[in-house]
Amino acid sequence: MTDLRNPNPARPAPGEITEVVRPAAIVPEESARSILVELALRDVQHGGVWQAGPSLWSRWDRPWNGTENLAGAELIGRIHVAYGTPTRYEITVYRVTVTAFGAQLGWTVETLCDEALGHGGLRLADCPRTVMGATPQPFRF
Protein backbone atom coordinates (compact mmCIF):
# COMPACT_ATOMS: atom_id res chain seq x y z
CA MET A 1 0.00 0.00 0.00
CA THR A 2 1.21 3.48 -0.75
CA ASP A 3 1.44 6.08 1.98
CA LEU A 4 -0.57 8.94 0.50
CA ARG A 5 1.27 11.64 2.48
CA ASN A 6 4.78 10.52 1.53
CA PRO A 7 4.91 8.54 -1.72
CA ASN A 8 8.58 7.67 -1.09
CA PRO A 9 8.71 6.42 2.53
CA ALA A 10 12.38 5.49 2.10
CA ARG A 11 13.13 9.23 2.06
CA PRO A 12 11.86 10.86 5.29
CA ALA A 13 10.04 14.16 5.09
CA PRO A 14 11.35 17.18 7.02
CA GLY A 15 10.81 16.84 10.78
CA GLU A 16 10.47 13.07 10.74
CA ILE A 17 12.45 10.90 13.12
CA THR A 18 13.78 7.76 11.44
CA GLU A 19 15.63 5.00 13.24
CA VAL A 20 17.23 1.98 11.63
CA VAL A 21 16.68 -0.92 14.00
CA ARG A 22 20.14 -2.50 14.51
CA PRO A 23 20.32 -5.36 14.81
CA ALA A 24 16.92 -5.81 13.19
CA ALA A 25 14.07 -7.08 15.37
CA ILE A 26 12.57 -10.47 14.56
CA VAL A 27 8.88 -11.16 15.16
CA PRO A 28 8.46 -14.92 15.77
CA GLU A 29 5.88 -16.88 13.76
CA GLU A 30 3.11 -17.09 16.37
CA SER A 31 3.32 -13.39 17.23
CA ALA A 32 3.56 -12.46 13.54
CA ARG A 33 0.26 -14.20 12.79
CA SER A 34 -1.50 -12.44 15.67
CA ILE A 35 -0.13 -9.04 14.71
CA LEU A 36 -1.15 -9.37 11.05
CA VAL A 37 -4.68 -10.44 12.00
CA GLU A 38 -5.08 -7.59 14.48
CA LEU A 39 -3.69 -4.95 12.13
CA ALA A 40 -6.10 -6.16 9.43
CA LEU A 41 -9.00 -5.90 11.88
CA ARG A 42 -7.90 -2.35 12.69
CA ASP A 43 -7.57 -1.22 9.07
CA VAL A 44 -7.80 2.53 8.59
CA GLN A 45 -10.36 2.12 5.79
CA HIS A 46 -12.71 0.21 8.09
CA GLY A 47 -12.77 2.23 11.32
CA GLY A 48 -9.24 1.49 12.59
CA VAL A 49 -5.96 3.40 12.61
CA TRP A 50 -3.52 1.01 10.86
CA GLN A 51 -2.69 0.56 7.18
CA ALA A 52 -0.68 -2.65 6.87
CA GLY A 53 0.99 -3.82 3.68
CA PRO A 54 3.69 -6.40 2.97
CA SER A 55 6.56 -3.96 3.57
CA LEU A 56 5.08 -1.04 5.50
CA TRP A 57 2.75 -0.64 8.48
CA SER A 58 1.42 2.92 8.83
CA ARG A 59 -0.28 4.30 11.96
CA TRP A 60 -2.77 7.15 11.52
CA ASP A 61 -4.41 9.37 14.14
CA ARG A 62 -7.95 8.39 13.11
CA PRO A 63 -9.86 6.23 10.62
CA TRP A 64 -10.31 7.23 7.03
CA ASN A 65 -13.66 7.83 5.39
CA GLY A 66 -13.56 4.78 3.11
CA THR A 67 -10.98 3.68 0.58
CA GLU A 68 -8.22 6.25 -0.01
CA ASN A 69 -10.26 9.09 1.54
CA LEU A 70 -8.06 10.39 4.35
CA ALA A 71 -10.88 12.50 5.83
CA GLY A 72 -8.28 14.74 7.47
CA ALA A 73 -6.38 11.87 9.10
CA GLU A 74 -2.74 12.59 9.92
CA LEU A 75 0.05 10.05 9.69
CA ILE A 76 1.69 9.23 13.06
CA GLY A 77 4.44 6.96 11.75
CA ARG A 78 5.58 3.99 9.69
CA ILE A 79 7.17 0.65 10.52
CA HIS A 80 9.21 -0.87 7.69
CA VAL A 81 9.04 -4.65 7.72
CA ALA A 82 10.09 -7.65 5.64
CA TYR A 83 7.87 -10.73 5.64
CA GLY A 84 9.32 -14.23 5.41
CA THR A 85 12.70 -13.35 6.84
CA PRO A 86 14.83 -14.70 8.40
CA THR A 87 12.54 -17.73 8.12
CA ARG A 88 9.41 -18.22 6.07
CA TYR A 89 6.85 -17.23 8.74
CA GLU A 90 8.76 -14.56 10.65
CA ILE A 91 8.76 -10.79 10.13
CA THR A 92 11.76 -8.50 10.41
CA VAL A 93 11.37 -4.93 11.64
CA TYR A 94 14.28 -2.93 10.24
CA ARG A 95 13.33 0.77 10.15
CA VAL A 96 10.82 2.96 11.95
CA THR A 97 9.76 6.53 11.23
CA VAL A 98 7.72 8.85 13.44
CA THR A 99 6.34 11.89 11.62
CA ALA A 100 6.73 15.41 12.98
CA PHE A 101 3.00 15.30 13.77
CA GLY A 102 3.42 12.02 15.66
CA ALA A 103 6.39 13.36 17.62
CA GLN A 104 4.35 16.43 18.62
CA LEU A 105 1.77 14.04 20.07
CA GLY A 106 4.47 12.26 22.08
CA TRP A 107 4.97 9.21 19.88
CA THR A 108 8.44 7.65 19.76
CA VAL A 109 9.97 4.82 17.75
CA GLU A 110 9.44 2.53 20.76
CA THR A 111 5.81 3.49 21.42
CA LEU A 112 4.90 3.10 17.75
CA CYS A 113 6.50 -0.34 17.56
CA ASP A 114 5.14 -1.42 20.92
CA GLU A 115 1.57 -0.63 19.86
CA ALA A 116 1.82 -2.81 16.75
CA LEU A 117 3.92 -5.56 18.31
CA GLY A 118 1.68 -5.62 21.38
CA HIS A 119 -0.95 -7.40 19.29
CA GLY A 120 1.45 -10.34 19.32
CA GLY A 121 2.39 -10.03 22.98
CA LEU A 122 5.71 -8.32 22.23
CA ARG A 123 7.54 -5.06 22.78
CA LEU A 124 10.39 -3.84 20.59
CA ALA A 125 12.83 -4.21 23.49
CA ASP A 126 11.84 -7.88 23.93
CA CYS A 127 12.06 -8.99 20.28
CA PRO A 128 14.79 -11.40 19.30
CA ARG A 129 17.43 -9.76 17.11
CA THR A 130 19.17 -10.81 13.94
CA VAL A 131 22.64 -12.22 14.24
CA MET A 132 25.12 -9.98 12.52
CA GLY A 133 27.70 -11.92 10.53
CA ALA A 134 31.27 -10.93 9.97
CA THR A 135 31.90 -8.26 7.37
CA PRO A 136 32.82 -9.94 4.09
CA GLN A 137 36.29 -9.47 2.68
CA PRO A 138 36.52 -6.96 -0.15
CA PHE A 139 36.42 -8.37 -3.64
CA ARG A 140 39.83 -8.44 -5.29
CA PHE A 141 40.84 -9.28 -8.85
C-alpha atoms as a PDB file:
ATOM      1  CA  MET A   1       0.000   0.000   0.000  1.00  0.00           C
ATOM      2  CA  THR A   2       1.206   3.484  -0.748  1.00  0.00           C
ATOM      3  CA  ASP A   3       1.437   6.079   1.975  1.00  0.00           C
ATOM      4  CA  LEU A   4      -0.572   8.944   0.500  1.00  0.00           C
ATOM      5  CA  ARG A   5       1.268  11.636   2.483  1.00  0.00           C
ATOM      6  CA  ASN A   6       4.778  10.523   1.532  1.00  0.00           C
ATOM      7  CA  PRO A   7       4.908   8.536  -1.717  1.00  0.00           C
ATOM      8  CA  ASN A   8       8.580   7.667  -1.095  1.00  0.00           C
ATOM      9  CA  PRO A   9       8.706   6.417   2.530  1.00  0.00           C
ATOM     10  CA  ALA A  10      12.377   5.489   2.105  1.00  0.00           C
ATOM     11  CA  ARG A  11      13.130   9.233   2.060  1.00  0.00           C
ATOM     12  CA  PRO A  12      11.862  10.859   5.286  1.00  0.00           C
ATOM     13  CA  ALA A  13      10.041  14.157   5.094  1.00  0.00           C
ATOM     14  CA  PRO A  14      11.346  17.184   7.020  1.00  0.00           C
ATOM     15  CA  GLY A  15      10.806  16.836  10.778  1.00  0.00           C
ATOM     16  CA  GLU A  16      10.473  13.065  10.737  1.00  0.00           C
ATOM     17  CA  ILE A  17      12.451  10.898  13.124  1.00  0.00           C
ATOM     18  CA  THR A  18      13.777   7.755  11.442  1.00  0.00           C
ATOM     19  CA  GLU A  19      15.632   5.003  13.242  1.00  0.00           C
ATOM     20  CA  VAL A  20      17.225   1.984  11.633  1.00  0.00           C
ATOM     21  CA  VAL A  21      16.683  -0.922  14.002  1.00  0.00           C
ATOM     22  CA  ARG A  22      20.136  -2.496  14.506  1.00  0.00           C
ATOM     23  CA  PRO A  23      20.319  -5.357  14.807  1.00  0.00           C
ATOM     24  CA  ALA A  24      16.916  -5.807  13.189  1.00  0.00           C
ATOM     25  CA  ALA A  25      14.072  -7.075  15.373  1.00  0.00           C
ATOM     26  CA  ILE A  26      12.571 -10.467  14.565  1.00  0.00           C
ATOM     27  CA  VAL A  27       8.881 -11.161  15.156  1.00  0.00           C
ATOM     28  CA  PRO A  28       8.457 -14.919  15.767  1.00  0.00           C
ATOM     29  CA  GLU A  29       5.876 -16.875  13.761  1.00  0.00           C
ATOM     30  CA  GLU A  30       3.106 -17.087  16.369  1.00  0.00           C
ATOM     31  CA  SER A  31       3.316 -13.389  17.225  1.00  0.00           C
ATOM     32  CA  ALA A  32       3.556 -12.459  13.543  1.00  0.00           C
ATOM     33  CA  ARG A  33       0.264 -14.197  12.786  1.00  0.00           C
ATOM     34  CA  SER A  34      -1.501 -12.443  15.671  1.00  0.00           C
ATOM     35  CA  ILE A  35      -0.128  -9.037  14.707  1.00  0.00           C
ATOM     36  CA  LEU A  36      -1.150  -9.367  11.051  1.00  0.00           C
ATOM     37  CA  VAL A  37      -4.680 -10.437  11.999  1.00  0.00           C
ATOM     38  CA  GLU A  38      -5.076  -7.594  14.483  1.00  0.00           C
ATOM     39  CA  LEU A  39      -3.692  -4.950  12.126  1.00  0.00           C
ATOM     40  CA  ALA A  40      -6.102  -6.162   9.427  1.00  0.00           C
ATOM     41  CA  LEU A  41      -9.004  -5.896  11.883  1.00  0.00           C
ATOM     42  CA  ARG A  42      -7.900  -2.349  12.693  1.00  0.00           C
ATOM     43  CA  ASP A  43      -7.566  -1.222   9.070  1.00  0.00           C
ATOM     44  CA  VAL A  44      -7.796   2.534   8.587  1.00  0.00           C
ATOM     45  CA  GLN A  45     -10.359   2.119   5.786  1.00  0.00           C
ATOM     46  CA  HIS A  46     -12.710   0.214   8.092  1.00  0.00           C
ATOM     47  CA  GLY A  47     -12.767   2.226  11.322  1.00  0.00           C
ATOM     48  CA  GLY A  48      -9.236   1.487  12.585  1.00  0.00           C
ATOM     49  CA  VAL A  49      -5.959   3.397  12.611  1.00  0.00           C
ATOM     50  CA  TRP A  50      -3.525   1.014  10.858  1.00  0.00           C
ATOM     51  CA  GLN A  51      -2.692   0.560   7.181  1.00  0.00           C
ATOM     52  CA  ALA A  52      -0.682  -2.652   6.873  1.00  0.00           C
ATOM     53  CA  GLY A  53       0.993  -3.824   3.684  1.00  0.00           C
ATOM     54  CA  PRO A  54       3.695  -6.399   2.967  1.00  0.00           C
ATOM     55  CA  SER A  55       6.560  -3.959   3.571  1.00  0.00           C
ATOM     56  CA  LEU A  56       5.082  -1.044   5.496  1.00  0.00           C
ATOM     57  CA  TRP A  57       2.753  -0.639   8.480  1.00  0.00           C
ATOM     58  CA  SER A  58       1.423   2.923   8.830  1.00  0.00           C
ATOM     59  CA  ARG A  59      -0.281   4.305  11.959  1.00  0.00           C
ATOM     60  CA  TRP A  60      -2.773   7.147  11.519  1.00  0.00           C
ATOM     61  CA  ASP A  61      -4.409   9.366  14.140  1.00  0.00           C
ATOM     62  CA  ARG A  62      -7.952   8.390  13.109  1.00  0.00           C
ATOM     63  CA  PRO A  63      -9.858   6.229  10.622  1.00  0.00           C
ATOM     64  CA  TRP A  64     -10.309   7.235   7.034  1.00  0.00           C
ATOM     65  CA  ASN A  65     -13.660   7.828   5.390  1.00  0.00           C
ATOM     66  CA  GLY A  66     -13.560   4.776   3.114  1.00  0.00           C
ATOM     67  CA  THR A  67     -10.983   3.684   0.577  1.00  0.00           C
ATOM     68  CA  GLU A  68      -8.217   6.248  -0.009  1.00  0.00           C
ATOM     69  CA  ASN A  69     -10.256   9.090   1.539  1.00  0.00           C
ATOM     70  CA  LEU A  70      -8.057  10.390   4.354  1.00  0.00           C
ATOM     71  CA  ALA A  71     -10.879  12.498   5.830  1.00  0.00           C
ATOM     72  CA  GLY A  72      -8.282  14.739   7.474  1.00  0.00           C
ATOM     73  CA  ALA A  73      -6.381  11.865   9.097  1.00  0.00           C
ATOM     74  CA  GLU A  74      -2.744  12.587   9.923  1.00  0.00           C
ATOM     75  CA  LEU A  75       0.046  10.054   9.693  1.00  0.00           C
ATOM     76  CA  ILE A  76       1.688   9.228  13.061  1.00  0.00           C
ATOM     77  CA  GLY A  77       4.442   6.961  11.748  1.00  0.00           C
ATOM     78  CA  ARG A  78       5.583   3.986   9.691  1.00  0.00           C
ATOM     79  CA  ILE A  79       7.168   0.651  10.521  1.00  0.00           C
ATOM     80  CA  HIS A  80       9.214  -0.866   7.689  1.00  0.00           C
ATOM     81  CA  VAL A  81       9.040  -4.655   7.718  1.00  0.00           C
ATOM     82  CA  ALA A  82      10.087  -7.645   5.641  1.00  0.00           C
ATOM     83  CA  TYR A  83       7.868 -10.731   5.641  1.00  0.00           C
ATOM     84  CA  GLY A  84       9.325 -14.226   5.407  1.00  0.00           C
ATOM     85  CA  THR A  85      12.698 -13.349   6.845  1.00  0.00           C
ATOM     86  CA  PRO A  86      14.831 -14.698   8.402  1.00  0.00           C
ATOM     87  CA  THR A  87      12.537 -17.726   8.116  1.00  0.00           C
ATOM     88  CA  ARG A  88       9.409 -18.222   6.075  1.00  0.00           C
ATOM     89  CA  TYR A  89       6.853 -17.228   8.739  1.00  0.00           C
ATOM     90  CA  GLU A  90       8.761 -14.559  10.646  1.00  0.00           C
ATOM     91  CA  ILE A  91       8.757 -10.791  10.134  1.00  0.00           C
ATOM     92  CA  THR A  92      11.761  -8.502  10.408  1.00  0.00           C
ATOM     93  CA  VAL A  93      11.373  -4.925  11.644  1.00  0.00           C
ATOM     94  CA  TYR A  94      14.277  -2.930  10.239  1.00  0.00           C
ATOM     95  CA  ARG A  95      13.330   0.770  10.151  1.00  0.00           C
ATOM     96  CA  VAL A  96      10.818   2.955  11.952  1.00  0.00           C
ATOM     97  CA  THR A  97       9.764   6.527  11.231  1.00  0.00           C
ATOM     98  CA  VAL A  98       7.719   8.854  13.436  1.00  0.00           C
ATOM     99  CA  THR A  99       6.336  11.892  11.621  1.00  0.00           C
ATOM    100  CA  ALA A 100       6.735  15.412  12.981  1.00  0.00           C
ATOM    101  CA  PHE A 101       3.005  15.298  13.766  1.00  0.00           C
ATOM    102  CA  GLY A 102       3.419  12.019  15.659  1.00  0.00           C
ATOM    103  CA  ALA A 103       6.388  13.360  17.621  1.00  0.00           C
ATOM    104  CA  GLN A 104       4.352  16.432  18.623  1.00  0.00           C
ATOM    105  CA  LEU A 105       1.768  14.041  20.072  1.00  0.00           C
ATOM    106  CA  GLY A 106       4.470  12.259  22.079  1.00  0.00           C
ATOM    107  CA  TRP A 107       4.970   9.206  19.878  1.00  0.00           C
ATOM    108  CA  THR A 108       8.438   7.649  19.760  1.00  0.00           C
ATOM    109  CA  VAL A 109       9.966   4.821  17.751  1.00  0.00           C
ATOM    110  CA  GLU A 110       9.439   2.534  20.756  1.00  0.00           C
ATOM    111  CA  THR A 111       5.809   3.486  21.417  1.00  0.00           C
ATOM    112  CA  LEU A 112       4.903   3.104  17.751  1.00  0.00           C
ATOM    113  CA  CYS A 113       6.503  -0.341  17.556  1.00  0.00           C
ATOM    114  CA  ASP A 114       5.143  -1.415  20.920  1.00  0.00           C
ATOM    115  CA  GLU A 115       1.570  -0.634  19.862  1.00  0.00           C
ATOM    116  CA  ALA A 116       1.821  -2.805  16.746  1.00  0.00           C
ATOM    117  CA  LEU A 117       3.922  -5.564  18.311  1.00  0.00           C
ATOM    118  CA  GLY A 118       1.685  -5.615  21.383  1.00  0.00           C
ATOM    119  CA  HIS A 119      -0.955  -7.403  19.291  1.00  0.00           C
ATOM    120  CA  GLY A 120       1.451 -10.342  19.321  1.00  0.00           C
ATOM    121  CA  GLY A 121       2.385 -10.032  22.983  1.00  0.00           C
ATOM    122  CA  LEU A 122       5.712  -8.320  22.233  1.00  0.00           C
ATOM    123  CA  ARG A 123       7.544  -5.058  22.780  1.00  0.00           C
ATOM    124  CA  LEU A 124      10.385  -3.839  20.589  1.00  0.00           C
ATOM    125  CA  ALA A 125      12.826  -4.210  23.495  1.00  0.00           C
ATOM    126  CA  ASP A 126      11.844  -7.880  23.930  1.00  0.00           C
ATOM    127  CA  CYS A 127      12.060  -8.985  20.284  1.00  0.00           C
ATOM    128  CA  PRO A 128      14.792 -11.405  19.304  1.00  0.00           C
ATOM    129  CA  ARG A 129      17.435  -9.756  17.111  1.00  0.00           C
ATOM    130  CA  THR A 130      19.168 -10.811  13.936  1.00  0.00           C
ATOM    131  CA  VAL A 131      22.644 -12.216  14.238  1.00  0.00           C
ATOM    132  CA  MET A 132      25.118  -9.979  12.517  1.00  0.00           C
ATOM    133  CA  GLY A 133      27.696 -11.920  10.527  1.00  0.00           C
ATOM    134  CA  ALA A 134      31.268 -10.932   9.973  1.00  0.00           C
ATOM    135  CA  THR A 135      31.899  -8.258   7.373  1.00  0.00           C
ATOM    136  CA  PRO A 136      32.823  -9.941   4.088  1.00  0.00           C
ATOM    137  CA  GLN A 137      36.286  -9.471   2.685  1.00  0.00           C
ATOM    138  CA  PRO A 138      36.522  -6.956  -0.151  1.00  0.00           C
ATOM    139  CA  PHE A 139      36.419  -8.372  -3.642  1.00  0.00           C
ATOM    140  CA  ARG A 140      39.830  -8.438  -5.293  1.00  0.00           C
ATOM    141  CA  PHE A 141      40.841  -9.279  -8.853  1.00  0.00           C
END
